[in-house]
Structures are given as structure tokens and as C-alpha cells.
C-alpha atoms as a PDB file:
ATOM      1  CA  MET A   1       0.000   0.000   0.000  1.00  0.00           C
ATOM      2  CA  ARG A   2       1.120   3.546  -0.577  1.00  0.00           C
ATOM      3  CA  LYS A   3      -0.097   6.895   0.664  1.00  0.00           C
ATOM      4  CA  ILE A   4      -0.347   9.908  -1.602  1.00  0.00           C
ATOM      5  CA  VAL A   5      -0.410  13.364  -0.046  1.00  0.00           C
ATOM      6  CA  ASP A   6      -2.038  16.254  -1.863  1.00  0.00           C
ATOM      7  CA  VAL A   7       0.425  19.062  -1.141  1.00  0.00           C
ATOM      8  CA  GLN A   8      -2.170  21.792  -1.649  1.00  0.00           C
ATOM      9  CA  THR A   9      -4.865  20.422   0.668  1.00  0.00           C
ATOM     10  CA  GLY A  10      -2.887  18.050   2.864  1.00  0.00           C
ATOM     11  CA  ALA A  11      -5.378  15.268   2.101  1.00  0.00           C
ATOM     12  CA  VAL A  12      -3.964  11.755   2.305  1.00  0.00           C
ATOM     13  CA  ILE A  13      -5.147   9.180  -0.193  1.00  0.00           C
ATOM     14  CA  GLU A  14      -4.387   5.513   0.404  1.00  0.00           C
ATOM     15  CA  ASP A  15      -3.900   3.179  -2.552  1.00  0.00           C
ATOM     16  CA  PRO A  16      -4.193  -0.398  -1.203  1.00  0.00           C
ATOM     17  CA  THR A  17      -3.735  -1.943  -4.669  1.00  0.00           C
ATOM     18  CA  TRP A  18      -0.307  -0.471  -5.336  1.00  0.00           C
ATOM     19  CA  GLN A  19       2.602  -2.901  -5.434  1.00  0.00           C
ATOM     20  CA  PRO A  20       6.243  -1.872  -5.787  1.00  0.00           C
ATOM     21  CA  ASP A  21       8.024  -2.944  -8.944  1.00  0.00           C
ATOM     22  CA  LEU A  22      10.111  -5.906  -7.861  1.00  0.00           C
ATOM     23  CA  PRO A  23      12.819  -7.462  -9.971  1.00  0.00           C
ATOM     24  CA  PRO A  24      11.924 -10.865 -11.368  1.00  0.00           C
ATOM     25  CA  PRO A  25      13.169 -13.833  -9.346  1.00  0.00           C
ATOM     26  CA  PRO A  26      16.483 -15.290 -10.474  1.00  0.00           C
ATOM     27  CA  ALA A  27      16.338 -18.019 -13.078  1.00  0.00           C
ATOM     28  CA  PRO A  28      16.126 -21.459 -11.510  1.00  0.00           C
ATOM     29  CA  PRO A  29      19.249 -23.593 -11.720  1.00  0.00           C
ATOM     30  CA  ALA A  30      19.298 -26.105 -14.549  1.00  0.00           C
ATOM     31  CA  ALA A  31      20.125 -28.907 -12.103  1.00  0.00           C
ATOM     32  CA  VAL A  32      20.433 -29.672  -8.410  1.00  0.00           C
ATOM     33  CA  THR A  33      22.322 -32.444  -6.682  1.00  0.00           C
ATOM     34  CA  ARG A  34      20.718 -35.613  -5.414  1.00  0.00           C
ATOM     35  CA  ARG A  35      21.284 -34.420  -1.832  1.00  0.00           C
ATOM     36  CA  GLN A  36      19.734 -31.022  -2.502  1.00  0.00           C
ATOM     37  CA  LEU A  37      16.622 -32.475  -4.133  1.00  0.00           C
ATOM     38  CA  ARG A  38      16.058 -35.046  -1.408  1.00  0.00           C
ATOM     39  CA  LEU A  39      16.570 -32.511   1.372  1.00  0.00           C
ATOM     40  CA  TRP A  40      14.139 -30.152  -0.351  1.00  0.00           C
ATOM     41  CA  LEU A  41      11.538 -32.938  -0.556  1.00  0.00           C
ATOM     42  CA  VAL A  42      11.825 -33.796   3.137  1.00  0.00           C
ATOM     43  CA  ARG A  43      11.858 -30.154   4.277  1.00  0.00           C
ATOM     44  CA  SER A  44       8.812 -29.469   2.102  1.00  0.00           C
ATOM     45  CA  GLY A  45       6.784 -32.217   3.751  1.00  0.00           C
ATOM     46  CA  TYR A  46       7.195 -34.992   1.192  1.00  0.00           C
ATOM     47  CA  THR A  47       8.658 -38.403   1.857  1.00  0.00           C
ATOM     48  CA  LEU A  48      11.064 -40.374  -0.253  1.00  0.00           C
ATOM     49  CA  ALA A  49       8.563 -43.236  -0.003  1.00  0.00           C
ATOM     50  CA  GLN A  50       5.990 -41.072  -1.820  1.00  0.00           C
ATOM     51  CA  VAL A  51       8.376 -40.611  -4.738  1.00  0.00           C
ATOM     52  CA  GLU A  52       9.215 -44.304  -4.771  1.00  0.00           C
ATOM     53  CA  ALA A  53       5.498 -45.213  -4.818  1.00  0.00           C
ATOM     54  CA  LEU A  54       4.974 -42.960  -7.838  1.00  0.00           C
ATOM     55  CA  ILE A  55       7.899 -44.634  -9.572  1.00  0.00           C
ATOM     56  CA  ASP A  56       6.526 -48.086  -8.706  1.00  0.00           C
ATOM     57  CA  ALA A  57       3.216 -47.153 -10.363  1.00  0.00           C
ATOM     58  CA  LEU A  58       4.866 -46.473 -13.735  1.00  0.00           C
ATOM     59  CA  PRO A  59       4.607 -49.062 -16.523  1.00  0.00           C
ATOM     60  CA  GLU A  60       7.693 -50.917 -17.680  1.00  0.00           C
ATOM     61  CA  PRO A  61      10.244 -50.101 -19.044  1.00  0.00           C
ATOM     62  CA  GLN A  62       9.678 -46.563 -17.732  1.00  0.00           C
ATOM     63  CA  ARG A  63       9.565 -47.865 -14.133  1.00  0.00           C
ATOM     64  CA  THR A  64      13.028 -49.427 -14.332  1.00  0.00           C
ATOM     65  CA  GLU A  65      14.490 -46.363 -16.036  1.00  0.00           C
ATOM     66  CA  ALA A  66      12.926 -44.116 -13.385  1.00  0.00           C
ATOM     67  CA  ARG A  67      14.355 -46.256 -10.587  1.00  0.00           C
ATOM     68  CA  ILE A  68      17.817 -45.998 -12.127  1.00  0.00           C
ATOM     69  CA  GLU A  69      17.458 -42.217 -12.403  1.00  0.00           C
ATOM     70  CA  TRP A  70      16.139 -41.881  -8.819  1.00  0.00           C
ATOM     71  CA  GLN A  71      18.749 -44.156  -7.258  1.00  0.00           C
ATOM     72  CA  ASP A  72      21.825 -43.417  -9.336  1.00  0.00           C
ATOM     73  CA  ALA A  73      21.649 -39.862 -10.700  1.00  0.00           C
ATOM     74  CA  THR A  74      24.026 -37.435  -9.037  1.00  0.00           C
ATOM     75  CA  LEU A  75      22.270 -34.444 -10.619  1.00  0.00           C
ATOM     76  CA  PHE A  76      18.577 -33.902 -11.255  1.00  0.00           C
ATOM     77  CA  GLU A  77      17.915 -31.737 -14.298  1.00  0.00           C
ATOM     78  CA  ARG A  78      15.042 -29.240 -14.117  1.00  0.00           C
ATOM     79  CA  GLY A  79      13.959 -30.000 -17.691  1.00  0.00           C
ATOM     80  CA  HIS A  80      14.031 -33.802 -17.520  1.00  0.00           C
ATOM     81  CA  PRO A  81      10.640 -35.169 -18.680  1.00  0.00           C
ATOM     82  CA  LEU A  82      10.557 -37.893 -16.011  1.00  0.00           C
ATOM     83  CA  LEU A  83      11.215 -35.393 -13.222  1.00  0.00           C
ATOM     84  CA  HIS A  84       8.420 -33.224 -14.612  1.00  0.00           C
ATOM     85  CA  GLN A  85       6.030 -36.199 -14.709  1.00  0.00           C
ATOM     86  CA  ILE A  86       6.772 -37.391 -11.156  1.00  0.00           C
ATOM     87  CA  ALA A  87       6.746 -33.830  -9.778  1.00  0.00           C
ATOM     88  CA  GLY A  88       3.359 -33.183 -11.366  1.00  0.00           C
ATOM     89  CA  GLN A  89       1.908 -36.223  -9.641  1.00  0.00           C
ATOM     90  CA  LEU A  90       3.600 -35.490  -6.316  1.00  0.00           C
ATOM     91  CA  LEU A  91       2.663 -31.801  -6.249  1.00  0.00           C
ATOM     92  CA  LYS A  92      -0.744 -32.422  -7.855  1.00  0.00           C
ATOM     93  CA  MET A  93      -0.130 -29.681 -10.407  1.00  0.00           C
ATOM     94  CA  GLU A  94       0.259 -29.313 -14.136  1.00  0.00           C
ATOM     95  CA  GLY A  95       1.054 -26.743 -16.800  1.00  0.00           C
ATOM     96  CA  LYS A  96       2.270 -23.288 -15.835  1.00  0.00           C
ATOM     97  CA  GLU A  97       1.454 -23.858 -12.167  1.00  0.00           C
ATOM     98  CA  LEU A  98       3.762 -26.894 -12.116  1.00  0.00           C
ATOM     99  CA  ASP A  99       6.485 -25.049 -14.021  1.00  0.00           C
ATOM    100  CA  ALA A 100       6.419 -22.191 -11.512  1.00  0.00           C
ATOM    101  CA  ALA A 101       6.452 -24.620  -8.564  1.00  0.00           C
ATOM    102  CA  LEU A 102       9.411 -26.523 -10.038  1.00  0.00           C
ATOM    103  CA  ASP A 103      11.311 -23.292 -10.652  1.00  0.00           C
ATOM    104  CA  GLU A 104      10.838 -22.286  -7.019  1.00  0.00           C
ATOM    105  CA  ALA A 105      11.659 -25.795  -5.769  1.00  0.00           C
ATOM    106  CA  PHE A 106      14.932 -25.788  -7.710  1.00  0.00           C
ATOM    107  CA  ARG A 107      15.824 -22.312  -6.381  1.00  0.00           C
ATOM    108  CA  GLN A 108      15.182 -23.491  -2.820  1.00  0.00           C
ATOM    109  CA  ALA A 109      16.958 -26.822  -3.314  1.00  0.00           C
ATOM    110  CA  ALA A 110      20.022 -25.113  -4.769  1.00  0.00           C
ATOM    111  CA  ALA A 111      20.359 -23.137  -1.519  1.00  0.00           C
ATOM    112  CA  LEU A 112      20.620 -26.315   0.593  1.00  0.00           C
END
């Protein structure tokens, strides 16, 4: 909110809809480490078992490939289609809402 003062009359006008121009958030990192992603999940209220259950529900051969990625990847890439698919199911989001949530998740994870 901002207050505008009329210098001639001294009247104060409040504008509750005004928002300051903020710089856009930094671009999300392209990848985070395995440790960073898993810590972010736990600190955000998700369990590793939830992710594993989503992987277990995938059809073969996607399930086996997802297990390999989950267990053996040292970096998780923001743009990886499998990460996007699992994240959408875990976060119960899709489209632009999911993209924005993933961007913020990767920013937060990168700080851990």
C-alpha cells in the first residue's frame, strides 16, 4: 500500500492496490544435486517413499528407467521429462502452475 499526499490540501489518499516494482526472481538452476533435491523434498513435507510409490506405479520399461534415475543420478535436471512427470503427480499440479512450482523448488533446493 502507498499513501499519496495532496500538497495543496494536505489530504492523504491511500492506494491499497499499489505494489512496488520488484525485480523478477532469479532463473532457476538447470540442475540440483541428489542431496539437494532429497533434502528439499523432506523439508517441504514430502517423503522419499511417496516418490518411490509414484515410480513403482509407472509401466515398464519406464519404471526401471525411473528407478535408475532416482537411485543413481548425481544431478537432477530441471527439464528432464521424467522429473516433470513425477513432480506433477507429487505436487498435484500441471502446466504453468507446475512449471512455476518446479522453478521455485529448484531455487530453494540449490540453496541447501
